[in-house]
Protein backbone atom coordinates (compact mmCIF):
# COMPACT_ATOMS: atom_id res chain seq x y z
CA MET A 1 36.45 62.95 113.59
CA ARG A 2 38.70 60.06 114.49
CA ILE A 3 39.43 57.57 111.74
CA SER A 4 38.50 54.61 113.96
CA VAL A 5 34.98 55.95 114.44
CA PHE A 6 34.71 56.48 110.71
CA ILE A 7 35.71 52.89 109.96
CA ILE A 8 33.29 51.44 112.51
CA LEU A 9 30.40 53.44 111.11
CA PHE A 10 31.50 52.62 107.58
CA PHE A 11 30.66 48.97 108.00
CA LEU A 12 27.34 49.47 109.74
CA SER A 13 24.55 49.22 107.18
CA PHE A 14 20.94 48.35 107.14
CA SER A 15 18.41 47.32 104.50
CA ILE A 16 14.89 48.63 104.09
CA TYR A 17 12.05 47.12 102.08
CA GLY A 18 14.13 44.09 101.10
CA GLN A 19 16.89 44.88 98.61
CA ALA A 20 14.99 47.72 96.94
CA LEU A 21 16.55 50.33 99.22
CA GLU A 22 19.72 50.07 101.29
CA ILE A 23 21.15 52.80 103.52
CA THR A 24 24.72 52.74 104.86
CA PRO A 25 26.20 55.36 107.22
CA LEU A 26 29.68 56.71 106.55
CA ASN A 27 29.54 58.74 109.75
CA GLU A 28 26.87 60.47 111.82
CA LYS A 29 26.13 62.97 109.05
CA LEU A 30 26.80 61.29 105.71
CA TYR A 31 24.90 58.28 104.36
CA VAL A 32 25.01 56.30 101.13
CA TYR A 33 21.70 55.00 99.86
CA THR A 34 21.41 52.39 97.13
CA THR A 35 18.48 51.56 94.89
CA TYR A 36 18.21 49.02 92.08
CA HIS A 37 17.02 48.99 88.48
CA THR A 38 17.12 46.58 85.56
CA TYR A 39 19.64 47.54 82.88
CA GLU A 40 20.23 45.33 79.83
CA GLY A 41 18.48 42.46 81.61
CA GLN A 42 20.61 42.72 84.75
CA LYS A 43 19.75 44.10 88.18
CA VAL A 44 22.08 47.05 88.69
CA SER A 45 22.59 49.16 91.81
CA ALA A 46 22.72 52.95 91.87
CA ASN A 47 24.50 54.66 94.76
CA ALA A 48 23.67 58.16 95.97
CA MET A 49 24.05 60.11 99.20
CA TYR A 50 22.38 62.29 101.76
CA LEU A 51 23.68 64.71 104.38
CA VAL A 52 22.08 65.23 107.77
CA THR A 53 22.14 68.85 108.91
CA GLY A 54 20.61 70.63 111.87
CA ASN A 55 18.03 72.13 109.51
CA GLY A 56 17.05 68.91 107.75
CA VAL A 57 18.39 66.35 105.29
CA VAL A 58 19.96 67.20 101.92
CA LEU A 59 19.59 64.57 99.21
CA PHE A 60 22.16 64.17 96.44
CA ASP A 61 20.51 62.49 93.44
CA THR A 62 17.18 60.72 93.42
CA PRO A 63 16.51 56.97 93.41
CA TRP A 64 16.92 55.17 90.09
CA ASP A 65 13.82 53.16 90.93
CA GLN A 66 11.18 55.87 91.16
CA ALA A 67 9.02 53.60 93.31
CA GLN A 68 11.59 54.21 96.06
CA ASN A 69 11.17 57.99 96.28
CA GLN A 70 8.55 57.89 99.01
CA PRO A 71 10.10 54.94 100.90
CA LEU A 72 13.38 56.86 100.96
CA LEU A 73 11.69 59.92 102.45
CA ASP A 74 9.92 57.73 104.99
CA ALA A 75 13.13 55.92 105.95
CA ILE A 76 15.04 59.17 106.41
CA GLU A 77 12.34 60.74 108.55
CA LYS A 78 11.97 57.60 110.67
CA ARG A 79 15.71 57.29 111.28
CA HIS A 80 16.65 60.93 111.77
CA HIS A 81 13.34 62.58 112.75
CA LEU A 82 14.08 65.16 110.08
CA LYS A 83 12.60 65.94 106.68
CA VAL A 84 14.40 66.22 103.34
CA ILE A 85 14.75 69.95 102.69
CA LYS A 86 16.74 70.04 99.42
CA VAL A 87 17.45 67.71 96.51
CA PHE A 88 20.48 68.09 94.21
CA ALA A 89 21.25 66.18 90.99
CA THR A 90 24.75 65.48 89.70
CA HIS A 91 23.64 65.10 86.08
CA SER A 92 20.53 64.73 83.94
CA HIS A 93 20.09 60.95 83.67
CA GLU A 94 17.19 59.05 85.19
CA ASP A 95 19.28 57.57 88.01
CA ARG A 96 20.21 61.08 89.19
CA ALA A 97 17.48 63.56 88.26
CA GLY A 98 14.61 61.20 87.48
CA GLY A 99 12.78 62.02 90.70
CA PHE A 100 12.58 65.77 90.19
CA GLY A 101 8.92 65.60 89.21
CA PHE A 102 8.08 63.71 92.41
CA PHE A 103 10.02 66.04 94.70
CA ASN A 104 8.69 69.15 92.95
CA LYS A 105 5.14 67.98 93.63
CA LYS A 106 6.11 67.37 97.26
CA GLY A 107 7.21 70.99 97.54
CA ILE A 108 10.81 70.00 98.31
CA PRO A 109 13.25 72.40 96.61
CA THR A 110 15.18 70.78 93.77
CA TYR A 111 18.56 71.95 92.44
CA ALA A 112 20.61 71.29 89.30
CA SER A 113 23.35 73.03 87.38
CA VAL A 114 22.26 75.35 84.61
CA GLN A 115 23.62 72.87 82.07
CA THR A 116 21.77 69.91 83.62
CA ASN A 117 18.50 71.82 83.63
CA GLU A 118 18.98 72.76 79.98
CA LEU A 119 19.46 69.10 79.10
CA LEU A 120 16.39 68.06 81.09
CA ARG A 121 14.30 70.77 79.44
CA SER A 122 15.47 69.78 75.96
CA GLU A 123 14.35 66.21 76.67
CA HIS A 124 10.98 67.38 78.02
CA LYS A 125 11.70 65.99 81.47
CA PRO A 126 10.92 67.58 84.85
CA VAL A 127 13.52 70.20 85.70
CA ALA A 128 14.92 71.45 89.00
CA LEU A 129 13.18 74.51 90.36
CA HIS A 130 16.53 76.09 91.28
CA THR A 131 19.80 76.24 89.37
CA PHE A 132 23.40 76.94 90.31
CA GLU A 133 26.65 77.47 88.49
CA LYS A 134 29.23 74.70 88.37
CA GLY A 135 31.52 74.81 91.37
CA ALA A 136 28.85 76.24 93.68
CA LYS A 137 29.48 76.02 97.43
CA PHE A 138 26.73 75.59 99.97
CA GLN A 139 26.46 75.74 103.73
CA ILE A 140 23.41 74.55 105.67
CA GLY A 141 23.85 75.06 109.37
CA ILE A 142 27.44 74.03 110.02
CA GLU A 143 27.55 71.50 107.16
CA LYS A 144 29.40 72.45 103.97
CA PHE A 145 29.51 70.89 100.53
CA GLN A 146 30.27 71.91 96.96
CA LEU A 147 29.27 70.64 93.55
CA ASP A 148 32.34 70.71 91.34
CA TYR A 149 32.75 70.33 87.60
CA PHE A 150 36.04 69.04 86.22
CA GLY A 151 35.00 68.36 82.64
CA ALA A 152 32.97 65.97 80.54
CA GLY A 153 33.05 62.22 81.07
CA HIS A 154 30.06 59.96 81.54
CA THR A 155 28.04 62.98 80.36
CA LYS A 156 28.94 66.52 79.47
CA ASP A 157 27.23 67.86 82.60
CA ASN A 158 28.46 65.38 85.25
CA LEU A 159 29.30 66.93 88.62
CA VAL A 160 30.86 65.52 91.77
CA VAL A 161 29.98 66.48 95.34
CA TRP A 162 32.80 67.23 97.77
CA PHE A 163 32.30 67.24 101.53
CA PRO A 164 35.42 69.07 102.81
CA GLU A 165 34.89 68.37 106.49
CA TYR A 166 34.72 64.61 105.94
CA LYS A 167 37.01 64.31 102.88
CA VAL A 168 34.32 62.31 101.05
CA LEU A 169 33.76 62.55 97.30
CA ASP A 170 30.41 61.60 95.81
CA GLY A 171 31.43 60.75 92.26
CA GLY A 172 28.07 59.89 90.73
CA CYS A 173 28.27 58.04 87.42
CA LEU A 174 31.51 59.81 86.52
CA ILE A 175 33.42 57.40 88.77
CA LYS A 176 33.23 53.63 88.34
CA SER A 177 33.42 51.05 91.10
CA ALA A 178 36.78 49.41 91.76
CA GLU A 179 35.01 46.15 90.86
CA ALA A 180 33.48 47.44 87.61
CA LYS A 181 34.02 45.33 84.52
CA GLY A 182 33.08 48.07 82.08
CA LEU A 183 32.04 51.70 81.72
CA GLY A 184 28.31 51.02 81.52
CA PHE A 185 26.21 53.33 79.36
CA VAL A 186 28.45 55.54 77.22
CA GLY A 187 25.87 56.81 74.74
CA GLU A 188 26.41 60.39 75.90
CA ALA A 189 30.00 60.00 77.11
CA ASP A 190 33.07 61.94 76.03
CA LEU A 191 35.66 59.17 76.15
CA LYS A 192 38.55 61.46 75.23
CA ALA A 193 37.78 64.05 77.91
CA TRP A 194 36.87 61.55 80.63
CA PRO A 195 40.44 60.53 81.63
CA LYS A 196 41.46 64.20 81.87
CA THR A 197 38.47 64.84 84.10
CA ILE A 198 39.43 62.01 86.48
CA LEU A 199 43.04 63.20 86.60
CA ALA A 200 41.85 66.72 87.43
CA ILE A 201 39.83 65.32 90.34
CA LYS A 202 42.85 63.39 91.63
CA ASP A 203 44.97 66.53 91.36
CA LYS A 204 42.43 68.71 93.19
CA TYR A 205 41.51 66.36 96.02
CA LYS A 206 44.68 64.83 97.43
CA THR A 207 43.20 63.97 100.82
CA ILE A 208 40.15 61.92 99.81
CA ARG A 209 39.12 59.52 102.54
CA GLN A 210 36.28 57.82 100.66
CA VAL A 211 35.04 57.86 97.06
CA ILE A 212 31.45 56.86 96.35
CA ALA A 213 31.08 55.32 92.89
CA GLY A 214 27.76 55.77 91.12
CA HIS A 215 27.08 52.07 90.60
CA ASP A 216 28.06 48.68 91.98
CA ASN A 217 30.24 48.14 95.05
CA TRP A 218 31.43 51.50 96.41
CA LYS A 219 33.12 50.15 99.56
CA ILE A 220 36.34 48.96 97.92
CA PRO A 221 39.12 51.57 97.46
CA GLY A 222 40.63 52.35 94.08
CA ALA A 223 37.61 53.67 92.18
CA LEU A 224 39.41 56.59 90.55
CA ASP A 225 42.28 54.43 89.32
CA LYS A 226 39.90 51.73 88.12
CA THR A 227 37.97 54.32 86.13
CA LEU A 228 41.20 55.41 84.45
CA GLU A 229 42.08 51.78 83.69
CA LEU A 230 38.70 51.13 82.10
CA LEU A 231 39.01 54.28 80.00
CA LYS A 232 42.51 53.34 78.85
CA ASN A 233 41.24 49.96 77.68
CA LYS A 234 38.26 51.61 75.97
CA ASN A 235 40.39 54.13 74.13
C-alpha cells in the first residue's frame, strides 16, 4: 500500500451518534473507533480498533461506554455490509473487556489471553469464551495479526496487537498518547517493569508506521517515547 494513500485515509474520519462513537479509517481494512467515559469527573476517550476481512469484521477491545456496543455493531454493518465475527481483548479492564457479556449473549465469539480470563474470572466478570496463549498469531482470510506480550506495564496482562501487513501497532492502555499529561489509572500497574516493556516493543518493531494509544489523541506521533518520558518522571 502506498504511503500517500495511507495518509489520505488517515485523516478521513466520521462521527456517529454525536461524540459518543467516532470511527476513523487508517486504510481500507483497519479502523480506529473511539468511545467516551467519565473518569475522575472528566470525559475521557478510549481508542480501540477493528479489522475488516473477507469473512467479517474482527473487533479489538470493546467500547468503554457499554451503551455503545450495539451502535458500534450497527455502524460497522452499515458501513461495511459485514458482521463482527470475533472480539479480542487486550487486557481485563472495563474499557477493553467490559463488553464480553454483551457479545457473548449475541453469540459473537470472544477471545482473551489465559491470564486475562483468569483475572476476569477472579473478579466475577464475564469472561471470553475462547482463550489463547500470549504471542498468538491469527489469520482470517488474507488478513494477519498477532497479540503480543512484552511484559507488565499498565496491567500485568496487557497485550498489544500487531498488524504486520500494515505496520500498525494497537497499543491499548499500555501506550500513552503523545499528548498525555500523566499515566492515568496505575492501581494495577507495574511501574518498574513498564519502561522495559516499552523498550522491548521498540526493539521488536522497528518499522512501525502508526501507533494507536489507548486513550486521548492517537494521531500525533511519538506515543512510545512519551510513555517512556512519563514513566521516567513517575519513577
